[in-house]
Full PDB file with SEQRES, HELIX, SHEET, SSBOND, CRYST1, ORIGX, SCALE, CONECT and MASTER records, all heavy atoms in Angstrom:
SEQRES   1 A   40  VAL GLY GLY LEU PHE GLY GLU ASP GLN GLU ASP LEU VAL          
SEQRES   2 A   40  SER PRO SER ASP GLY VAL ILE ILE GLY HIS ALA THR LEU          
SEQRES   3 A   40  PRO ILE VAL ASN GLN GLY ASP ALA LEU PHE HIS VAL ALA          
SEQRES   4 A   40  ALA                                                          
SHEET    1 AA1 2 VAL A  19  HIS A  23  0                                        
SHEET    2 AA1 2 PHE A  36  ALA A  39 -1                                        
CRYST1    1.000    1.000    1.000  90.00  90.00  90.00 P 1           1          
ORIGX1      1.000000  0.000000  0.000000        0.00000                         
ORIGX2      0.000000  1.000000  0.000000        0.00000                         
ORIGX3      0.000000  0.000000  1.000000        0.00000                         
SCALE1      1.000000  0.000000  0.000000        0.00000                         
SCALE2      0.000000  1.000000  0.000000        0.00000                         
SCALE3      0.000000  0.000000  1.000000        0.00000                         
ATOM      1  N   VAL A   1      -6.865  -1.489  -0.176  1.00  0.00           N  
ATOM      2  CA  VAL A   1      -7.324  -0.270  -0.836  1.00  0.00           C  
ATOM      3  C   VAL A   1      -8.689  -0.541  -1.458  1.00  0.00           C  
ATOM      4  O   VAL A   1      -8.850  -1.494  -2.234  1.00  0.00           O  
ATOM      5  CB  VAL A   1      -6.346   0.194  -1.929  1.00  0.00           C  
ATOM      6  CG1 VAL A   1      -6.848   1.502  -2.570  1.00  0.00           C  
ATOM      7  CG2 VAL A   1      -4.952   0.404  -1.362  1.00  0.00           C  
ATOM      8  N   GLY A   2      -9.672   0.279  -1.076  1.00  0.00           N  
ATOM      9  CA  GLY A   2     -11.013   0.144  -1.631  1.00  0.00           C  
ATOM     10  C   GLY A   2     -11.523   1.466  -2.150  1.00  0.00           C  
ATOM     11  O   GLY A   2     -10.847   2.507  -2.066  1.00  0.00           O  
ATOM     12  N   GLY A   3     -12.736   1.454  -2.692  1.00  0.00           N  
ATOM     13  CA  GLY A   3     -13.339   2.668  -3.226  1.00  0.00           C  
ATOM     14  C   GLY A   3     -13.888   3.564  -2.133  1.00  0.00           C  
ATOM     15  O   GLY A   3     -13.701   3.325  -0.934  1.00  0.00           O  
ATOM     16  N   LEU A   4     -14.596   4.605  -2.547  1.00  0.00           N  
ATOM     17  CA  LEU A   4     -15.117   5.587  -1.600  1.00  0.00           C  
ATOM     18  C   LEU A   4     -16.087   4.974  -0.602  1.00  0.00           C  
ATOM     19  O   LEU A   4     -16.233   5.465   0.516  1.00  0.00           O  
ATOM     20  CB  LEU A   4     -15.822   6.721  -2.361  1.00  0.00           C  
ATOM     21  CG  LEU A   4     -14.908   7.700  -3.099  1.00  0.00           C  
ATOM     22  CD1 LEU A   4     -15.754   8.716  -3.856  1.00  0.00           C  
ATOM     23  CD2 LEU A   4     -13.976   8.417  -2.126  1.00  0.00           C  
ATOM     24  N   PHE A   5     -16.775   3.919  -1.003  1.00  0.00           N  
ATOM     25  CA  PHE A   5     -17.727   3.254  -0.118  1.00  0.00           C  
ATOM     26  C   PHE A   5     -17.120   2.014   0.524  1.00  0.00           C  
ATOM     27  O   PHE A   5     -17.830   1.213   1.157  1.00  0.00           O  
ATOM     28  CB  PHE A   5     -18.988   2.880  -0.908  1.00  0.00           C  
ATOM     29  CG  PHE A   5     -19.669   4.066  -1.537  1.00  0.00           C  
ATOM     30  CD1 PHE A   5     -19.481   4.357  -2.878  1.00  0.00           C  
ATOM     31  CD2 PHE A   5     -20.464   4.912  -0.781  1.00  0.00           C  
ATOM     32  CE1 PHE A   5     -20.083   5.446  -3.455  1.00  0.00           C  
ATOM     33  CE2 PHE A   5     -21.084   6.017  -1.352  1.00  0.00           C  
ATOM     34  CZ  PHE A   5     -20.894   6.294  -2.699  1.00  0.00           C  
ATOM     35  N   GLY A   6     -15.807   1.836   0.338  1.00  0.00           N  
ATOM     36  CA  GLY A   6     -15.139   0.656   0.865  1.00  0.00           C  
ATOM     37  C   GLY A   6     -15.304  -0.565  -0.007  1.00  0.00           C  
ATOM     38  O   GLY A   6     -14.931  -1.675   0.399  1.00  0.00           O  
ATOM     39  N   GLU A   7     -15.837  -0.374  -1.213  1.00  0.00           N  
ATOM     40  CA  GLU A   7     -16.126  -1.500  -2.093  1.00  0.00           C  
ATOM     41  C   GLU A   7     -14.872  -1.956  -2.845  1.00  0.00           C  
ATOM     42  O   GLU A   7     -13.906  -1.222  -2.969  1.00  0.00           O  
ATOM     43  CB  GLU A   7     -17.222  -1.120  -3.099  1.00  0.00           C  
ATOM     44  CG  GLU A   7     -16.783  -0.244  -4.272  1.00  0.00           C  
ATOM     45  CD  GLU A   7     -16.637   1.232  -3.928  1.00  0.00           C  
ATOM     46  OE1 GLU A   7     -16.709   1.577  -2.727  1.00  0.00           O  
ATOM     47  OE2 GLU A   7     -16.435   2.042  -4.850  1.00  0.00           O  
ATOM     48  N   ASP A   8     -14.948  -3.200  -3.327  1.00  0.00           N  
ATOM     49  CA  ASP A   8     -13.925  -3.755  -4.233  1.00  0.00           C  
ATOM     50  C   ASP A   8     -12.514  -3.601  -3.670  1.00  0.00           C  
ATOM     51  O   ASP A   8     -11.590  -3.142  -4.356  1.00  0.00           O  
ATOM     52  CB  ASP A   8     -13.997  -3.096  -5.614  1.00  0.00           C  
ATOM     53  CG  ASP A   8     -15.363  -3.266  -6.268  1.00  0.00           C  
ATOM     54  OD1 ASP A   8     -15.981  -4.323  -6.028  1.00  0.00           O  
ATOM     55  OD2 ASP A   8     -15.798  -2.348  -6.986  1.00  0.00           O  
ATOM     56  N   GLN A   9     -12.332  -3.969  -2.431  1.00  0.00           N  
ATOM     57  CA  GLN A   9     -11.019  -3.821  -1.806  1.00  0.00           C  
ATOM     58  C   GLN A   9     -10.002  -4.769  -2.432  1.00  0.00           C  
ATOM     59  O   GLN A   9     -10.314  -5.919  -2.771  1.00  0.00           O  
ATOM     60  CB  GLN A   9     -11.108  -4.096  -0.304  1.00  0.00           C  
ATOM     61  CG  GLN A   9     -11.872  -3.027   0.459  1.00  0.00           C  
ATOM     62  CD  GLN A   9     -11.679  -3.136   1.957  1.00  0.00           C  
ATOM     63  OE1 GLN A   9     -11.006  -4.046   2.444  1.00  0.00           O  
ATOM     64  NE2 GLN A   9     -12.242  -2.199   2.706  1.00  0.00           N  
ATOM     65  N   GLU A  10      -8.792  -4.247  -2.583  1.00  0.00           N  
ATOM     66  CA  GLU A  10      -7.687  -5.052  -3.089  1.00  0.00           C  
ATOM     67  C   GLU A  10      -6.558  -5.036  -2.069  1.00  0.00           C  
ATOM     68  O   GLU A  10      -6.315  -4.017  -1.405  1.00  0.00           O  
ATOM     69  CB  GLU A  10      -7.188  -4.524  -4.440  1.00  0.00           C  
ATOM     70  CG  GLU A  10      -8.225  -4.608  -5.546  1.00  0.00           C  
ATOM     71  CD  GLU A  10      -7.634  -4.307  -6.915  1.00  0.00           C  
ATOM     72  OE1 GLU A  10      -6.484  -4.738  -7.179  1.00  0.00           O  
ATOM     73  OE2 GLU A  10      -8.322  -3.648  -7.708  1.00  0.00           O  
ATOM     74  N   ASP A  11      -5.874  -6.176  -1.945  1.00  0.00           N  
ATOM     75  CA  ASP A  11      -4.810  -6.335  -0.955  1.00  0.00           C  
ATOM     76  C   ASP A  11      -3.462  -5.918  -1.532  1.00  0.00           C  
ATOM     77  O   ASP A  11      -3.171  -6.151  -2.708  1.00  0.00           O  
ATOM     78  CB  ASP A  11      -4.699  -7.791  -0.500  1.00  0.00           C  
ATOM     79  CG  ASP A  11      -5.903  -8.240   0.301  1.00  0.00           C  
ATOM     80  OD1 ASP A  11      -6.720  -7.375   0.686  1.00  0.00           O  
ATOM     81  OD2 ASP A  11      -6.026  -9.459   0.539  1.00  0.00           O  
ATOM     82  N   LEU A  12      -2.643  -5.286  -0.679  1.00  0.00           N  
ATOM     83  CA  LEU A  12      -1.223  -5.067  -0.975  1.00  0.00           C  
ATOM     84  C   LEU A  12      -0.438  -6.025  -0.100  1.00  0.00           C  
ATOM     85  O   LEU A  12      -0.668  -6.085   1.115  1.00  0.00           O  
ATOM     86  CB  LEU A  12      -0.785  -3.637  -0.636  1.00  0.00           C  
ATOM     87  CG  LEU A  12      -1.069  -2.515  -1.634  1.00  0.00           C  
ATOM     88  CD1 LEU A  12      -2.534  -2.133  -1.554  1.00  0.00           C  
ATOM     89  CD2 LEU A  12      -0.204  -1.311  -1.311  1.00  0.00           C  
ATOM     90  N   VAL A  13       0.468  -6.762  -0.698  1.00  0.00           N  
ATOM     91  CA  VAL A  13       1.254  -7.725   0.074  1.00  0.00           C  
ATOM     92  C   VAL A  13       2.730  -7.468  -0.121  1.00  0.00           C  
ATOM     93  O   VAL A  13       3.158  -6.848  -1.103  1.00  0.00           O  
ATOM     94  CB  VAL A  13       0.912  -9.185  -0.327  1.00  0.00           C  
ATOM     95  CG1 VAL A  13      -0.555  -9.476  -0.074  1.00  0.00           C  
ATOM     96  CG2 VAL A  13       1.264  -9.441  -1.788  1.00  0.00           C  
ATOM     97  N   SER A  14       3.523  -7.937   0.827  1.00  0.00           N  
ATOM     98  CA  SER A  14       4.971  -7.738   0.762  1.00  0.00           C  
ATOM     99  C   SER A  14       5.568  -8.570  -0.370  1.00  0.00           C  
ATOM    100  O   SER A  14       5.270  -9.764  -0.504  1.00  0.00           O  
ATOM    101  CB  SER A  14       5.625  -8.134   2.086  1.00  0.00           C  
ATOM    102  OG  SER A  14       7.031  -8.006   1.991  1.00  0.00           O  
ATOM    103  N   PRO A  15       6.461  -7.965  -1.181  1.00  0.00           N  
ATOM    104  CA  PRO A  15       7.077  -8.706  -2.277  1.00  0.00           C  
ATOM    105  C   PRO A  15       8.261  -9.558  -1.839  1.00  0.00           C  
ATOM    106  O   PRO A  15       8.792 -10.340  -2.632  1.00  0.00           O  
ATOM    107  CB  PRO A  15       7.548  -7.589  -3.219  1.00  0.00           C  
ATOM    108  CG  PRO A  15       7.857  -6.450  -2.299  1.00  0.00           C  
ATOM    109  CD  PRO A  15       6.842  -6.547  -1.186  1.00  0.00           C  
ATOM    110  N   SER A  16       8.689  -9.403  -0.588  1.00  0.00           N  
ATOM    111  CA  SER A  16       9.889 -10.120  -0.142  1.00  0.00           C  
ATOM    112  C   SER A  16       9.907 -10.219   1.372  1.00  0.00           C  
ATOM    113  O   SER A  16       9.138  -9.540   2.067  1.00  0.00           O  
ATOM    114  CB  SER A  16      11.157  -9.397  -0.620  1.00  0.00           C  
ATOM    115  OG  SER A  16      11.215  -8.089  -0.060  1.00  0.00           O  
ATOM    116  N   ASP A  17      10.785 -11.076   1.886  1.00  0.00           N  
ATOM    117  CA  ASP A  17      11.099 -11.056   3.312  1.00  0.00           C  
ATOM    118  C   ASP A  17      11.918  -9.798   3.589  1.00  0.00           C  
ATOM    119  O   ASP A  17      12.869  -9.499   2.857  1.00  0.00           O  
ATOM    120  CB  ASP A  17      11.938 -12.278   3.704  1.00  0.00           C  
ATOM    121  CG  ASP A  17      11.146 -13.577   3.616  1.00  0.00           C  
ATOM    122  OD1 ASP A  17       9.940 -13.524   3.322  1.00  0.00           O  
ATOM    123  OD2 ASP A  17      11.752 -14.637   3.841  1.00  0.00           O  
ATOM    124  N   GLY A  18      11.572  -9.067   4.617  1.00  0.00           N  
ATOM    125  CA  GLY A  18      12.351  -7.863   4.891  1.00  0.00           C  
ATOM    126  C   GLY A  18      11.745  -6.999   5.967  1.00  0.00           C  
ATOM    127  O   GLY A  18      10.980  -7.458   6.820  1.00  0.00           O  
ATOM    128  N   VAL A  19      12.094  -5.721   5.894  1.00  0.00           N  
ATOM    129  CA  VAL A  19      11.655  -4.726   6.868  1.00  0.00           C  
ATOM    130  C   VAL A  19      11.055  -3.552   6.116  1.00  0.00           C  
ATOM    131  O   VAL A  19      11.606  -3.105   5.102  1.00  0.00           O  
ATOM    132  CB  VAL A  19      12.840  -4.241   7.729  1.00  0.00           C  
ATOM    133  CG1 VAL A  19      12.401  -3.135   8.680  1.00  0.00           C  
ATOM    134  CG2 VAL A  19      13.443  -5.396   8.510  1.00  0.00           C  
ATOM    135  N   ILE A  20       9.924  -3.058   6.593  1.00  0.00           N  
ATOM    136  CA  ILE A  20       9.342  -1.856   5.999  1.00  0.00           C  
ATOM    137  C   ILE A  20      10.158  -0.657   6.469  1.00  0.00           C  
ATOM    138  O   ILE A  20      10.240  -0.379   7.665  1.00  0.00           O  
ATOM    139  CB  ILE A  20       7.868  -1.693   6.405  1.00  0.00           C  
ATOM    140  CG1 ILE A  20       7.053  -2.897   5.938  1.00  0.00           C  
ATOM    141  CG2 ILE A  20       7.290  -0.404   5.820  1.00  0.00           C  
ATOM    142  CD1 ILE A  20       5.624  -2.887   6.444  1.00  0.00           C  
ATOM    143  N   ILE A  21      10.781   0.040   5.528  1.00  0.00           N  
ATOM    144  CA  ILE A  21      11.632   1.181   5.885  1.00  0.00           C  
ATOM    145  C   ILE A  21      10.981   2.512   5.540  1.00  0.00           C  
ATOM    146  O   ILE A  21      11.536   3.573   5.822  1.00  0.00           O  
ATOM    147  CB  ILE A  21      13.014   1.085   5.218  1.00  0.00           C  
ATOM    148  CG1 ILE A  21      12.902   1.043   3.694  1.00  0.00           C  
ATOM    149  CG2 ILE A  21      13.780  -0.124   5.747  1.00  0.00           C  
ATOM    150  CD1 ILE A  21      14.244   1.153   2.984  1.00  0.00           C  
ATOM    151  N   GLY A  22       9.800   2.481   4.943  1.00  0.00           N  
ATOM    152  CA  GLY A  22       9.087   3.708   4.641  1.00  0.00           C  
ATOM    153  C   GLY A  22       7.651   3.412   4.281  1.00  0.00           C  
ATOM    154  O   GLY A  22       7.343   2.347   3.730  1.00  0.00           O  
ATOM    155  N   HIS A  23       6.745   4.340   4.606  1.00  0.00           N  
ATOM    156  CA  HIS A  23       5.353   4.151   4.220  1.00  0.00           C  
ATOM    157  C   HIS A  23       4.692   5.501   3.988  1.00  0.00           C  
ATOM    158  O   HIS A  23       5.132   6.534   4.502  1.00  0.00           O  
ATOM    159  CB  HIS A  23       4.576   3.358   5.291  1.00  0.00           C  
ATOM    160  CG  HIS A  23       4.363   4.096   6.577  1.00  0.00           C  
ATOM    161  ND1 HIS A  23       5.212   3.986   7.659  1.00  0.00           N  
ATOM    162  CD2 HIS A  23       3.382   4.958   6.966  1.00  0.00           C  
ATOM    163  CE1 HIS A  23       4.773   4.740   8.648  1.00  0.00           C  
ATOM    164  NE2 HIS A  23       3.666   5.344   8.254  1.00  0.00           N  
ATOM    165  N   ALA A  24       3.636   5.484   3.162  1.00  0.00           N  
ATOM    166  CA  ALA A  24       2.845   6.685   2.924  1.00  0.00           C  
ATOM    167  C   ALA A  24       1.939   6.933   4.124  1.00  0.00           C  
ATOM    168  O   ALA A  24       1.364   6.001   4.679  1.00  0.00           O  
ATOM    169  CB  ALA A  24       2.019   6.522   1.651  1.00  0.00           C  
ATOM    170  N   THR A  25       1.823   8.190   4.520  1.00  0.00           N  
ATOM    171  CA  THR A  25       0.966   8.537   5.656  1.00  0.00           C  
ATOM    172  C   THR A  25      -0.395   9.067   5.213  1.00  0.00           C  
ATOM    173  O   THR A  25      -1.286   9.221   6.036  1.00  0.00           O  
ATOM    174  CB  THR A  25       1.652   9.595   6.539  1.00  0.00           C  
ATOM    175  OG1 THR A  25       1.920  10.774   5.752  1.00  0.00           O  
ATOM    176  CG2 THR A  25       2.955   9.061   7.106  1.00  0.00           C  
ATOM    177  N   LEU A  26      -0.557   9.363   3.931  1.00  0.00           N  
ATOM    178  CA  LEU A  26      -1.822   9.864   3.402  1.00  0.00           C  
ATOM    179  C   LEU A  26      -2.653   8.686   2.888  1.00  0.00           C  
ATOM    180  O   LEU A  26      -2.217   7.969   1.984  1.00  0.00           O  
ATOM    181  CB  LEU A  26      -1.566  10.863   2.267  1.00  0.00           C  
ATOM    182  CG  LEU A  26      -2.776  11.587   1.689  1.00  0.00           C  
ATOM    183  CD1 LEU A  26      -3.392  12.517   2.733  1.00  0.00           C  
ATOM    184  CD2 LEU A  26      -2.380  12.379   0.443  1.00  0.00           C  
ATOM    185  N   PRO A  27      -3.832   8.443   3.449  1.00  0.00           N  
ATOM    186  CA  PRO A  27      -4.598   7.258   3.050  1.00  0.00           C  
ATOM    187  C   PRO A  27      -5.345   7.399   1.731  1.00  0.00           C  
ATOM    188  O   PRO A  27      -5.820   6.403   1.186  1.00  0.00           O  
ATOM    189  CB  PRO A  27      -5.584   7.077   4.214  1.00  0.00           C  
ATOM    190  CG  PRO A  27      -5.743   8.436   4.795  1.00  0.00           C  
ATOM    191  CD  PRO A  27      -4.436   9.137   4.608  1.00  0.00           C  
ATOM    192  N   ILE A  28      -5.486   8.601   1.209  1.00  0.00           N  
ATOM    193  CA  ILE A  28      -6.172   8.815  -0.071  1.00  0.00           C  
ATOM    194  C   ILE A  28      -5.150   8.636  -1.178  1.00  0.00           C  
ATOM    195  O   ILE A  28      -4.151   9.364  -1.236  1.00  0.00           O  
ATOM    196  CB  ILE A  28      -6.799  10.214  -0.120  1.00  0.00           C  
ATOM    197  CG1 ILE A  28      -7.777  10.392   1.045  1.00  0.00           C  
ATOM    198  CG2 ILE A  28      -7.501  10.452  -1.451  1.00  0.00           C  
ATOM    199  CD1 ILE A  28      -8.191  11.812   1.287  1.00  0.00           C  
ATOM    200  N   VAL A  29      -5.377   7.659  -2.068  1.00  0.00           N  
ATOM    201  CA  VAL A  29      -4.329   7.272  -3.010  1.00  0.00           C  
ATOM    202  C   VAL A  29      -4.859   7.209  -4.437  1.00  0.00           C  
ATOM    203  O   VAL A  29      -6.051   6.975  -4.676  1.00  0.00           O  
ATOM    204  CB  VAL A  29      -3.721   5.897  -2.639  1.00  0.00           C  
ATOM    205  CG1 VAL A  29      -3.145   5.943  -1.232  1.00  0.00           C  
ATOM    206  CG2 VAL A  29      -4.748   4.778  -2.746  1.00  0.00           C  
ATOM    207  N   ASN A  30      -3.948   7.409  -5.366  1.00  0.00           N  
ATOM    208  CA  ASN A  30      -4.193   7.154  -6.775  1.00  0.00           C  
ATOM    209  C   ASN A  30      -3.590   5.807  -7.138  1.00  0.00           C  
ATOM    210  O   ASN A  30      -2.655   5.331  -6.482  1.00  0.00           O  
ATOM    211  CB  ASN A  30      -3.567   8.243  -7.644  1.00  0.00           C  
ATOM    212  CG  ASN A  30      -4.239   9.584  -7.475  1.00  0.00           C  
ATOM    213  OD1 ASN A  30      -5.433   9.724  -7.709  1.00  0.00           O  
ATOM    214  ND2 ASN A  30      -3.470  10.584  -7.061  1.00  0.00           N  
ATOM    215  N   GLN A  31      -4.110   5.209  -8.176  1.00  0.00           N  
ATOM    216  CA  GLN A  31      -3.513   3.969  -8.653  1.00  0.00           C  
ATOM    217  C   GLN A  31      -2.053   4.220  -9.012  1.00  0.00           C  
ATOM    218  O   GLN A  31      -1.714   5.178  -9.696  1.00  0.00           O  
ATOM    219  CB  GLN A  31      -4.270   3.467  -9.884  1.00  0.00           C  
ATOM    220  CG  GLN A  31      -3.759   2.127 -10.398  1.00  0.00           C  
ATOM    221  CD  GLN A  31      -4.603   1.608 -11.558  1.00  0.00           C  
ATOM    222  OE1 GLN A  31      -5.655   2.164 -11.857  1.00  0.00           O  
ATOM    223  NE2 GLN A  31      -4.146   0.550 -12.197  1.00  0.00           N  
ATOM    224  N   GLY A  32      -1.165   3.357  -8.495  1.00  0.00           N  
ATOM    225  CA  GLY A  32       0.262   3.488  -8.768  1.00  0.00           C  
ATOM    226  C   GLY A  32       1.038   4.260  -7.723  1.00  0.00           C  
ATOM    227  O   GLY A  32       2.270   4.301  -7.772  1.00  0.00           O  
ATOM    228  N   ASP A  33       0.348   4.883  -6.760  1.00  0.00           N  
ATOM    229  CA  ASP A  33       1.074   5.589  -5.699  1.00  0.00           C  
ATOM    230  C   ASP A  33       1.917   4.599  -4.888  1.00  0.00           C  
ATOM    231  O   ASP A  33       1.474   3.489  -4.569  1.00  0.00           O  
ATOM    232  CB  ASP A  33       0.100   6.288  -4.745  1.00  0.00           C  
ATOM    233  CG  ASP A  33      -0.459   7.576  -5.299  1.00  0.00           C  
ATOM    234  OD1 ASP A  33      -0.021   7.993  -6.398  1.00  0.00           O  
ATOM    235  OD2 ASP A  33      -1.349   8.164  -4.655  1.00  0.00           O  
ATOM    236  N   ALA A  34       3.130   5.025  -4.534  1.00  0.00           N  
ATOM    237  CA  ALA A  34       4.016   4.192  -3.717  1.00  0.00           C  
ATOM    238  C   ALA A  34       3.563   4.265  -2.266  1.00  0.00           C  
ATOM    239  O   ALA A  34       3.563   5.340  -1.658  1.00  0.00           O  
ATOM    240  CB  ALA A  34       5.456   4.670  -3.847  1.00  0.00           C  
ATOM    241  N   LEU A  35       3.181   3.123  -1.697  1.00  0.00           N  
ATOM    242  CA  LEU A  35       2.614   3.102  -0.351  1.00  0.00           C  
ATOM    243  C   LEU A  35       3.558   2.513   0.693  1.00  0.00           C  
ATOM    244  O   LEU A  35       3.509   2.910   1.850  1.00  0.00           O  
ATOM    245  CB  LEU A  35       1.297   2.317  -0.343  1.00  0.00           C  
ATOM    246  CG  LEU A  35       0.195   2.834  -1.262  1.00  0.00           C  
ATOM    247  CD1 LEU A  35      -1.102   2.085  -0.995  1.00  0.00           C  
ATOM    248  CD2 LEU A  35      -0.013   4.332  -1.095  1.00  0.00           C  
ATOM    249  N   PHE A  36       4.392   1.562   0.295  1.00  0.00           N  
ATOM    250  CA  PHE A  36       5.335   0.942   1.233  1.00  0.00           C  
ATOM    251  C   PHE A  36       6.678   0.759   0.553  1.00  0.00           C  
ATOM    252  O   PHE A  36       6.757   0.420  -0.629  1.00  0.00           O  
ATOM    253  CB  PHE A  36       4.826  -0.431   1.705  1.00  0.00           C  
ATOM    254  CG  PHE A  36       3.605  -0.382   2.554  1.00  0.00           C  
ATOM    255  CD1 PHE A  36       2.342  -0.446   1.977  1.00  0.00           C  
ATOM    256  CD2 PHE A  36       3.696  -0.265   3.932  1.00  0.00           C  
ATOM    257  CE1 PHE A  36       1.200  -0.400   2.752  1.00  0.00           C  
ATOM    258  CE2 PHE A  36       2.558  -0.210   4.717  1.00  0.00           C  
ATOM    259  CZ  PHE A  36       1.302  -0.270   4.135  1.00  0.00           C  
ATOM    260  N   HIS A  37       7.746   0.969   1.336  1.00  0.00           N  
ATOM    261  CA  HIS A  37       9.112   0.724   0.873  1.00  0.00           C  
ATOM    262  C   HIS A  37       9.651  -0.426   1.716  1.00  0.00           C  
ATOM    263  O   HIS A  37       9.795  -0.302   2.934  1.00  0.00           O  
ATOM    264  CB  HIS A  37       9.959   1.982   1.063  1.00  0.00           C  
ATOM    265  CG  HIS A  37      11.245   1.972   0.316  1.00  0.00           C  
ATOM    266  ND1 HIS A  37      12.190   2.980   0.429  1.00  0.00           N  
ATOM    267  CD2 HIS A  37      11.764   1.087  -0.582  1.00  0.00           C  
ATOM    268  CE1 HIS A  37      13.222   2.704  -0.345  1.00  0.00           C  
ATOM    269  NE2 HIS A  37      12.987   1.567  -0.969  1.00  0.00           N  
ATOM    270  N   VAL A  38       9.915  -1.546   1.063  1.00  0.00           N  
ATOM    271  CA  VAL A  38      10.337  -2.753   1.770  1.00  0.00           C  
ATOM    272  C   VAL A  38      11.787  -3.057   1.416  1.00  0.00           C  
ATOM    273  O   VAL A  38      12.129  -3.221   0.244  1.00  0.00           O  
ATOM    274  CB  VAL A  38       9.451  -3.959   1.405  1.00  0.00           C  
ATOM    275  CG1 VAL A  38       9.924  -5.211   2.149  1.00  0.00           C  
ATOM    276  CG2 VAL A  38       7.986  -3.670   1.735  1.00  0.00           C  
ATOM    277  N   ALA A  39      12.645  -3.100   2.427  1.00  0.00           N  
ATOM    278  CA  ALA A  39      14.042  -3.492   2.242  1.00  0.00           C  
ATOM    279  C   ALA A  39      14.141  -4.999   2.382  1.00  0.00           C  
ATOM    280  O   ALA A  39      13.749  -5.567   3.403  1.00  0.00           O  
ATOM    281  CB  ALA A  39      14.941  -2.803   3.275  1.00  0.00           C  
ATOM    282  N   ALA A  40      14.647  -5.650   1.336  1.00  0.00           N  
ATOM    283  CA  ALA A  40      14.766  -7.105   1.360  1.00  0.00           C  
ATOM    284  C   ALA A  40      15.894  -7.513   2.294  1.00  0.00           C  
ATOM    285  O   ALA A  40      16.973  -6.921   2.294  1.00  0.00           O  
ATOM    286  CB  ALA A  40      15.039  -7.632  -0.046  1.00  0.00           C  
TER     287      ALA A  40                                                      
MASTER        0    0    0    0    2    0    0    6  286    1    0    4          
END                                                                             
């Protein structure tokens, strides 16, 4: 996730071994938006 110019990108990483069972389809996000649902 980066700014409007692609600056200051930050990585989202998986918190556990598992399977992604849900994800956000809208790429425009606010801080704290749920982007991935990972089943451990």
